Amino acid sequence: SAKERRSITQLVRSSLGLSSRFLSASETAQVANHGEVPCGLEPREACSRKHCATPLKGEITQDGRLFACPFGTSWYLLPIDQANRRLGFYLVGPFFEDAGSREKFFEANPALRDHRTDYPLLPSASRGALVLIRDWLLHRVRSIHMSQELAKKETLLLSLLDSTKIIHSTPNSEELLSYLTDISTYLTHATNGLILLLDETGQWLRIVVARGVMPDFDRDYRIRVGEGVTGWVAEHGEPLNIPDTESDERYIAVGYQAASELAVPIRRNDRVIGVLVVDSVEPRAFSAFDQQLLSSLAFQVSTVLDAVKLEAERSRKLEQLEVLHAVAAAAGESLEVEALIPRVLGEAASVFEATGAVLL
């Protein structure tokens, strides 16, 4: 968070006398894609080279990189890595490695002598301060990350408990599926959420619920199994997280162009029966935790669908019992076969919603 970033830079300043800052997303991309570190000097520090960048050759390891910028000052660039993922960069500086270099700098830039504290000395013998910054910052990032993960898991647990209560207290299946789609969208900060189910042939997916910016979906729209992100998930039975839809040929836009998409299978007895999907207008919007969360909600969707299936089977059996009762009553009223058979066939056609019935 911005508050955490300010706290870290203030602590580095007060304890070591060094200026520092976190690179922005665009600056991080500049380093990662072009190997160039953007200028870290504040406007008041009067650098004569406006908007310059320092090229760095080779890989920037976890130990960081010490380099000199064209203005003559030294800098330390520290990558921020978490779980094999590079989150960004932390830039420390400016500083000088020896007093002679700093004096020459002030002779060339006399107006900056009044800002001597902004250009501290950090000789080689004191280089351990940079190691301390690195170790402390990585530890701080890991601690923050663990706290955030714990908070997310707590949110997930509470949400699943709430959804379980709602499932058992709400008889309307359409409302339940809409609720689960809403909570999927909310918890993953997605733009849209959809539930797609396989049709009777098992070859096509159809949208049954859509929430977000595209609720007015075409109920006749179908996606063939194996096509698009959802079709791939239905075919392979595995979750799929697409961080950048433009670079993945499996993505097919439905209604609008999403930047990222996450889809997980909905299962019944190890058989895929549908797909739960969220997408976002932001690239790389979904994490591994979001995938875990969505998989848990897909299980809740399966629970609702199982309840609907059981209710349908219960209603069908009740109708069959009513037919048997009617047939028994008819048999008791008449012993004439010619009169009994038409009534039995009529009741059978009624329960199976048929236009007729024949006894051969």
Protein backbone atom coordinates (compact mmCIF):
# COMPACT_ATOMS: atom_id res chain seq x y z
CA SER A 1 0.00 0.00 0.00
CA ALA A 2 1.03 3.63 -0.34
CA LYS A 3 1.14 3.92 3.45
CA GLU A 4 3.53 0.96 3.73
CA ARG A 5 5.77 2.39 1.01
CA ARG A 6 5.99 5.75 2.78
CA SER A 7 6.76 4.01 6.07
CA ILE A 8 9.62 2.03 4.51
CA THR A 9 11.23 5.02 2.77
CA GLN A 10 10.97 7.16 5.92
CA LEU A 11 12.61 4.44 7.99
CA VAL A 12 15.50 4.08 5.52
CA ARG A 13 15.93 7.86 5.56
CA SER A 14 15.88 8.23 9.34
CA SER A 15 18.11 5.24 10.13
CA LEU A 16 20.66 5.35 7.29
CA GLY A 17 20.35 8.88 5.93
CA LEU A 18 19.61 7.55 2.45
CA SER A 19 16.86 8.63 0.08
CA SER A 20 14.88 5.87 -1.58
CA ARG A 21 11.65 5.16 -3.43
CA PHE A 22 9.66 2.40 -5.07
CA LEU A 23 9.58 2.50 -8.86
CA SER A 24 6.16 2.96 -10.43
CA ALA A 25 4.59 0.30 -12.64
CA SER A 26 5.70 2.07 -15.83
CA GLU A 27 9.25 2.52 -14.48
CA THR A 28 9.37 -1.15 -13.47
CA ALA A 29 8.33 -2.10 -17.01
CA GLN A 30 11.10 0.18 -18.36
CA VAL A 31 13.69 -1.71 -16.30
CA ALA A 32 12.28 -5.16 -17.09
CA ASN A 33 11.74 -4.62 -20.82
CA HIS A 34 14.56 -2.24 -21.77
CA GLY A 35 17.16 -2.60 -19.01
CA GLU A 36 17.00 1.13 -18.26
CA VAL A 37 16.66 2.69 -14.80
CA PRO A 38 14.78 6.02 -14.91
CA CYS A 39 16.25 9.03 -13.13
CA GLY A 40 15.57 9.00 -9.41
CA LEU A 41 16.49 12.61 -8.65
CA GLU A 42 13.90 15.05 -7.37
CA PRO A 43 13.41 18.28 -9.38
CA ARG A 44 14.94 20.35 -6.57
CA GLU A 45 18.17 18.41 -6.93
CA ALA A 46 18.84 20.27 -10.18
CA CYS A 47 20.10 17.46 -12.40
CA SER A 48 21.18 19.00 -15.71
CA ARG A 49 20.06 15.88 -17.62
CA LYS A 50 16.26 15.94 -17.70
CA HIS A 51 14.34 12.64 -17.98
CA CYS A 52 17.45 10.55 -18.52
CA ALA A 53 17.78 6.83 -17.87
CA THR A 54 20.79 4.69 -17.03
CA PRO A 55 21.21 1.50 -19.09
CA LEU A 56 22.10 -1.64 -17.15
CA LYS A 57 23.57 -4.68 -18.86
CA GLY A 58 22.88 -8.22 -17.76
CA GLU A 59 20.41 -9.72 -15.33
CA ILE A 60 19.46 -7.89 -12.14
CA THR A 61 19.83 -10.58 -9.48
CA GLN A 62 18.15 -10.68 -6.08
CA ASP A 63 21.29 -9.10 -4.59
CA GLY A 64 20.54 -5.91 -6.52
CA ARG A 65 22.75 -3.72 -8.69
CA LEU A 66 25.08 -0.84 -7.74
CA PHE A 67 25.50 1.66 -10.59
CA ALA A 68 26.45 5.26 -11.39
CA CYS A 69 24.11 7.58 -13.28
CA PRO A 70 25.23 10.10 -15.96
CA PHE A 71 24.90 12.93 -13.41
CA GLY A 72 27.77 11.41 -11.42
CA THR A 73 25.93 9.97 -8.41
CA SER A 74 25.74 6.34 -7.28
CA TRP A 75 22.55 4.32 -6.89
CA TYR A 76 21.46 0.91 -5.67
CA LEU A 77 18.61 -0.89 -7.43
CA LEU A 78 16.97 -3.69 -5.45
CA PRO A 79 14.46 -6.07 -7.07
CA ILE A 80 11.46 -7.02 -4.93
CA ASP A 81 10.73 -10.71 -5.45
CA GLN A 82 8.06 -12.82 -3.80
CA ALA A 83 7.37 -16.50 -4.51
CA ASN A 84 9.46 -16.46 -7.73
CA ARG A 85 7.58 -13.42 -8.95
CA ARG A 86 9.17 -10.00 -9.47
CA LEU A 87 6.83 -7.45 -7.93
CA GLY A 88 8.88 -4.34 -8.65
CA PHE A 89 12.06 -2.44 -7.80
CA TYR A 90 13.30 -0.31 -4.92
CA LEU A 91 15.78 2.47 -5.77
CA VAL A 92 18.21 3.80 -3.13
CA GLY A 93 20.19 6.98 -3.77
CA PRO A 94 21.76 9.24 -4.66
CA PHE A 95 24.97 8.78 -2.67
CA PHE A 96 28.75 8.82 -3.17
CA GLU A 97 31.24 6.07 -2.50
CA ASP A 98 34.08 8.41 -1.53
CA ALA A 99 34.56 11.99 -0.35
CA GLY A 100 36.70 12.98 -3.34
CA SER A 101 33.98 12.14 -5.84
CA ARG A 102 31.43 14.07 -3.84
CA GLU A 103 33.68 17.16 -3.63
CA LYS A 104 34.23 17.15 -7.39
CA PHE A 105 30.48 16.86 -7.81
CA PHE A 106 29.88 19.93 -5.65
CA GLU A 107 32.58 21.88 -7.49
CA ALA A 108 30.75 21.14 -10.74
CA ASN A 109 27.37 21.89 -9.14
CA PRO A 110 27.99 24.55 -6.47
CA ALA A 111 24.27 25.29 -6.07
CA LEU A 112 23.79 21.83 -4.57
CA ARG A 113 26.18 22.34 -1.62
CA ASP A 114 23.22 23.58 0.42
CA HIS A 115 21.70 20.12 -0.06
CA ARG A 116 24.68 18.11 1.16
CA THR A 117 22.45 15.87 3.25
CA ASP A 118 20.75 14.71 0.07
CA TYR A 119 24.09 13.33 -1.16
CA PRO A 120 25.46 11.22 1.71
CA LEU A 121 28.68 9.22 1.71
CA LEU A 122 28.43 5.46 1.62
CA PRO A 123 32.00 4.12 1.32
CA SER A 124 32.76 0.51 0.49
CA ALA A 125 33.38 -0.24 4.16
CA SER A 126 29.79 0.79 4.88
CA ARG A 127 28.34 -1.11 1.92
CA GLY A 128 26.80 -3.51 4.38
CA ALA A 129 24.06 -0.91 4.85
CA LEU A 130 22.74 -1.80 1.40
CA VAL A 131 22.70 -5.48 2.35
CA LEU A 132 20.78 -4.57 5.50
CA ILE A 133 18.26 -2.62 3.41
CA ARG A 134 17.88 -5.56 1.05
CA ASP A 135 17.37 -8.17 3.76
CA TRP A 136 15.09 -5.98 5.84
CA LEU A 137 12.97 -4.92 2.85
CA LEU A 138 12.52 -8.48 1.60
CA HIS A 139 11.57 -9.58 5.11
CA ARG A 140 9.08 -6.70 5.34
CA VAL A 141 7.57 -7.55 1.97
CA ARG A 142 7.20 -11.21 2.94
CA SER A 143 5.56 -10.22 6.23
CA ILE A 144 3.11 -7.90 4.48
CA HIS A 145 2.40 -10.56 1.87
CA MET A 146 1.71 -13.18 4.55
CA SER A 147 -0.62 -10.78 6.37
CA GLN A 148 -2.49 -10.08 3.15
CA GLU A 149 -2.76 -13.79 2.34
CA LEU A 150 -4.08 -14.47 5.84
CA ALA A 151 -6.68 -11.72 5.44
CA LYS A 152 -7.69 -13.13 2.05
CA LYS A 153 -8.08 -16.63 3.45
CA GLU A 154 -10.18 -15.27 6.30
CA THR A 155 -12.37 -13.46 3.76
CA LEU A 156 -12.66 -16.67 1.74
CA LEU A 157 -13.65 -18.71 4.78
CA LEU A 158 -16.29 -16.20 5.87
CA SER A 159 -17.64 -15.94 2.33
CA LEU A 160 -17.90 -19.71 1.98
CA LEU A 161 -19.67 -19.95 5.34
CA ASP A 162 -22.11 -17.23 4.29
CA SER A 163 -22.75 -18.87 0.93
CA THR A 164 -23.35 -22.23 2.62
CA LYS A 165 -25.96 -20.65 4.90
CA ILE A 166 -27.63 -18.94 1.96
CA ILE A 167 -27.68 -22.16 -0.08
CA HIS A 168 -29.53 -23.97 2.70
CA SER A 169 -31.96 -21.11 3.33
CA THR A 170 -32.82 -20.04 -0.24
CA PRO A 171 -35.01 -22.43 -2.26
CA ASN A 172 -34.73 -20.52 -5.55
CA SER A 173 -31.88 -22.00 -7.61
CA GLU A 174 -31.68 -19.03 -10.00
CA GLU A 175 -31.18 -16.65 -7.08
CA LEU A 176 -28.48 -18.92 -5.64
CA LEU A 177 -26.55 -19.13 -8.91
CA SER A 178 -26.79 -15.36 -9.34
CA TYR A 179 -25.55 -14.87 -5.77
CA LEU A 180 -22.57 -17.20 -6.30
CA THR A 181 -21.71 -15.40 -9.54
CA ASP A 182 -21.92 -12.04 -7.76
CA ILE A 183 -19.67 -13.14 -4.91
CA SER A 184 -17.18 -14.62 -7.40
CA THR A 185 -16.99 -11.28 -9.17
CA TYR A 186 -16.76 -9.30 -5.92
CA LEU A 187 -14.07 -11.38 -4.19
CA THR A 188 -11.79 -11.51 -7.25
CA HIS A 189 -12.38 -7.82 -8.14
CA ALA A 190 -13.50 -8.96 -11.59
CA THR A 191 -15.42 -7.01 -14.21
CA ASN A 192 -17.73 -9.89 -15.19
CA GLY A 193 -18.74 -13.26 -13.82
CA LEU A 194 -20.44 -16.07 -15.73
CA ILE A 195 -21.71 -19.60 -15.17
CA LEU A 196 -21.86 -21.84 -18.24
CA LEU A 197 -23.33 -25.35 -18.23
CA LEU A 198 -23.03 -28.21 -20.71
CA ASP A 199 -26.14 -29.00 -22.73
CA GLU A 200 -27.69 -32.45 -23.12
CA THR A 201 -25.20 -33.41 -25.84
CA GLY A 202 -22.17 -32.54 -23.72
CA GLN A 203 -20.68 -30.74 -26.73
CA TRP A 204 -21.82 -27.18 -26.11
CA LEU A 205 -21.65 -24.70 -23.23
CA ARG A 206 -24.48 -22.24 -22.71
CA ILE A 207 -24.51 -19.20 -20.44
CA VAL A 208 -27.03 -19.55 -17.60
CA VAL A 209 -25.91 -16.60 -15.43
CA ALA A 210 -23.96 -13.45 -16.33
CA ARG A 211 -23.19 -10.65 -13.88
CA GLY A 212 -21.18 -7.45 -14.17
CA VAL A 213 -21.15 -5.11 -17.14
CA MET A 214 -22.82 -7.63 -19.47
CA PRO A 215 -25.89 -9.03 -17.66
CA ASP A 216 -28.06 -8.81 -20.81
CA PHE A 217 -26.49 -11.85 -22.47
CA ASP A 218 -27.84 -13.87 -25.37
CA ARG A 219 -29.38 -16.99 -23.81
CA ASP A 220 -29.09 -18.78 -27.15
CA TYR A 221 -25.34 -18.14 -27.40
CA ARG A 222 -23.33 -21.35 -27.15
CA ILE A 223 -19.61 -22.19 -27.01
CA ARG A 224 -18.34 -25.47 -28.38
CA VAL A 225 -16.33 -27.63 -25.97
CA GLY A 226 -12.64 -27.17 -26.80
CA GLU A 227 -13.05 -23.62 -28.13
CA GLY A 228 -12.08 -20.48 -26.22
CA VAL A 229 -10.98 -20.37 -22.59
CA THR A 230 -14.21 -21.86 -21.23
CA GLY A 231 -14.28 -24.56 -23.88
CA TRP A 232 -10.69 -25.50 -23.05
CA VAL A 233 -11.52 -25.79 -19.34
CA ALA A 234 -14.59 -27.91 -20.09
CA GLU A 235 -12.55 -30.23 -22.31
CA HIS A 236 -9.50 -30.62 -20.04
CA GLY A 237 -11.21 -30.31 -16.65
CA GLU A 238 -8.49 -27.99 -15.36
CA PRO A 239 -8.49 -24.31 -14.24
CA LEU A 240 -7.03 -21.77 -16.66
CA ASN A 241 -5.69 -18.32 -15.75
CA ILE A 242 -5.04 -16.07 -18.77
CA PRO A 243 -3.10 -12.97 -17.55
CA ASP A 244 -3.01 -11.36 -21.01
CA THR A 245 -5.78 -12.29 -23.43
CA GLU A 246 -4.10 -10.59 -26.39
CA SER A 247 -1.17 -12.99 -26.21
CA ASP A 248 -3.26 -16.18 -25.79
CA GLU A 249 -4.94 -17.57 -28.89
CA ARG A 250 -7.42 -19.56 -26.81
CA TYR A 251 -9.25 -16.39 -25.76
CA ILE A 252 -12.44 -15.53 -27.65
CA ALA A 253 -14.18 -12.23 -26.84
CA VAL A 254 -17.85 -12.56 -25.89
CA GLY A 255 -19.58 -9.19 -25.85
CA TYR A 256 -16.43 -7.19 -25.12
CA GLN A 257 -12.64 -7.53 -25.00
CA ALA A 258 -11.35 -8.51 -21.55
CA ALA A 259 -7.68 -8.07 -20.66
CA SER A 260 -7.45 -11.16 -18.41
CA GLU A 261 -9.66 -14.14 -17.66
CA LEU A 262 -9.86 -16.92 -15.08
CA ALA A 263 -12.01 -20.04 -15.53
CA VAL A 264 -12.46 -23.15 -13.36
CA PRO A 265 -14.45 -26.35 -14.00
CA ILE A 266 -17.73 -27.14 -12.24
CA ARG A 267 -17.79 -30.85 -11.42
CA ARG A 268 -20.33 -33.46 -10.41
CA ASN A 269 -18.83 -36.80 -9.31
CA ASP A 270 -15.52 -36.08 -11.12
CA ARG A 271 -17.40 -35.20 -14.31
CA VAL A 272 -17.26 -31.66 -15.71
CA ILE A 273 -20.76 -30.22 -16.05
CA GLY A 274 -19.90 -26.55 -16.56
CA VAL A 275 -17.46 -23.67 -16.08
CA LEU A 276 -17.33 -20.71 -13.67
CA VAL A 277 -15.61 -17.70 -15.27
CA VAL A 278 -14.48 -14.22 -14.22
CA ASP A 279 -12.73 -11.65 -16.37
CA SER A 280 -11.26 -8.17 -15.97
CA VAL A 281 -10.42 -5.11 -18.04
CA GLU A 282 -7.05 -5.11 -16.22
CA PRO A 283 -4.22 -7.43 -17.35
CA ARG A 284 -2.78 -9.94 -14.85
CA ALA A 285 -5.80 -9.35 -12.62
CA PHE A 286 -6.07 -12.81 -11.07
CA SER A 287 -3.70 -14.58 -8.69
CA ALA A 288 -3.23 -18.19 -7.61
CA PHE A 289 -5.33 -17.36 -4.57
CA ASP A 290 -8.15 -16.11 -6.82
CA GLN A 291 -8.00 -19.44 -8.64
CA GLN A 292 -8.27 -21.32 -5.34
CA LEU A 293 -11.17 -19.12 -4.28
CA LEU A 294 -13.02 -19.57 -7.57
CA SER A 295 -12.56 -23.35 -7.40
CA SER A 296 -14.17 -23.33 -3.94
CA LEU A 297 -17.11 -21.33 -5.25
CA ALA A 298 -17.43 -23.69 -8.23
CA PHE A 299 -17.96 -26.48 -5.71
CA GLN A 300 -20.78 -24.41 -4.19
CA VAL A 301 -22.31 -24.02 -7.65
CA SER A 302 -22.15 -27.80 -8.06
CA THR A 303 -23.90 -28.18 -4.69
CA VAL A 304 -26.76 -25.96 -5.87
CA LEU A 305 -27.07 -27.86 -9.15
CA ASP A 306 -27.10 -31.17 -7.28
CA ALA A 307 -29.92 -29.86 -5.09
CA VAL A 308 -31.87 -28.82 -8.20
CA LYS A 309 -31.36 -32.28 -9.71
CA LEU A 310 -32.47 -34.02 -6.51
CA GLU A 311 -35.56 -31.82 -6.30
CA ALA A 312 -36.44 -32.64 -9.90
CA GLU A 313 -36.03 -36.36 -9.21
CA ARG A 314 -38.15 -36.05 -6.06
CA SER A 315 -40.90 -34.27 -7.98
CA ARG A 316 -40.82 -36.89 -10.71
CA LYS A 317 -41.12 -39.74 -8.20
CA LEU A 318 -43.99 -37.94 -6.51
CA GLU A 319 -45.78 -37.66 -9.84
CA GLN A 320 -45.18 -41.35 -10.50
CA LEU A 321 -46.65 -42.23 -7.10
CA GLU A 322 -49.68 -40.09 -7.87
CA VAL A 323 -50.11 -41.95 -11.16
CA LEU A 324 -49.89 -45.31 -9.43
CA HIS A 325 -52.49 -44.12 -6.94
CA ALA A 326 -54.76 -42.97 -9.77
CA VAL A 327 -54.30 -46.28 -11.61
CA ALA A 328 -55.10 -48.23 -8.44
CA ALA A 329 -58.20 -46.10 -7.90
CA ALA A 330 -59.30 -46.68 -11.48
CA ALA A 331 -58.77 -50.42 -11.13
CA GLY A 332 -60.95 -50.39 -8.03
CA GLU A 333 -63.72 -48.57 -9.82
CA SER A 334 -63.95 -50.98 -12.79
CA LEU A 335 -63.01 -54.56 -13.51
CA GLU A 336 -63.61 -54.09 -17.23
CA VAL A 337 -60.26 -54.21 -19.08
CA GLU A 338 -61.64 -52.17 -21.97
CA ALA A 339 -62.46 -49.33 -19.58
CA LEU A 340 -59.33 -49.62 -17.44
CA ILE A 341 -56.63 -49.57 -20.14
CA PRO A 342 -57.50 -46.14 -21.63
CA ARG A 343 -57.39 -44.56 -18.17
CA VAL A 344 -54.00 -46.16 -17.40
CA LEU A 345 -52.56 -45.00 -20.74
CA GLY A 346 -53.95 -41.51 -20.19
CA GLU A 347 -52.32 -41.24 -16.77
CA ALA A 348 -48.99 -42.54 -18.16
CA ALA A 349 -49.02 -39.98 -20.98
CA SER A 350 -49.76 -37.23 -18.48
CA VAL A 351 -46.88 -38.01 -16.11
CA PHE A 352 -44.36 -38.27 -18.95
CA GLU A 353 -45.75 -35.16 -20.68
CA ALA A 354 -46.37 -37.22 -23.81
CA THR A 355 -49.00 -36.63 -26.48
CA GLY A 356 -50.14 -40.25 -26.28
CA ALA A 357 -49.45 -43.78 -25.04
CA VAL A 358 -49.93 -47.21 -26.65
CA LEU A 359 -50.18 -50.67 -25.07
CA LEU A 360 -48.77 -53.40 -27.37
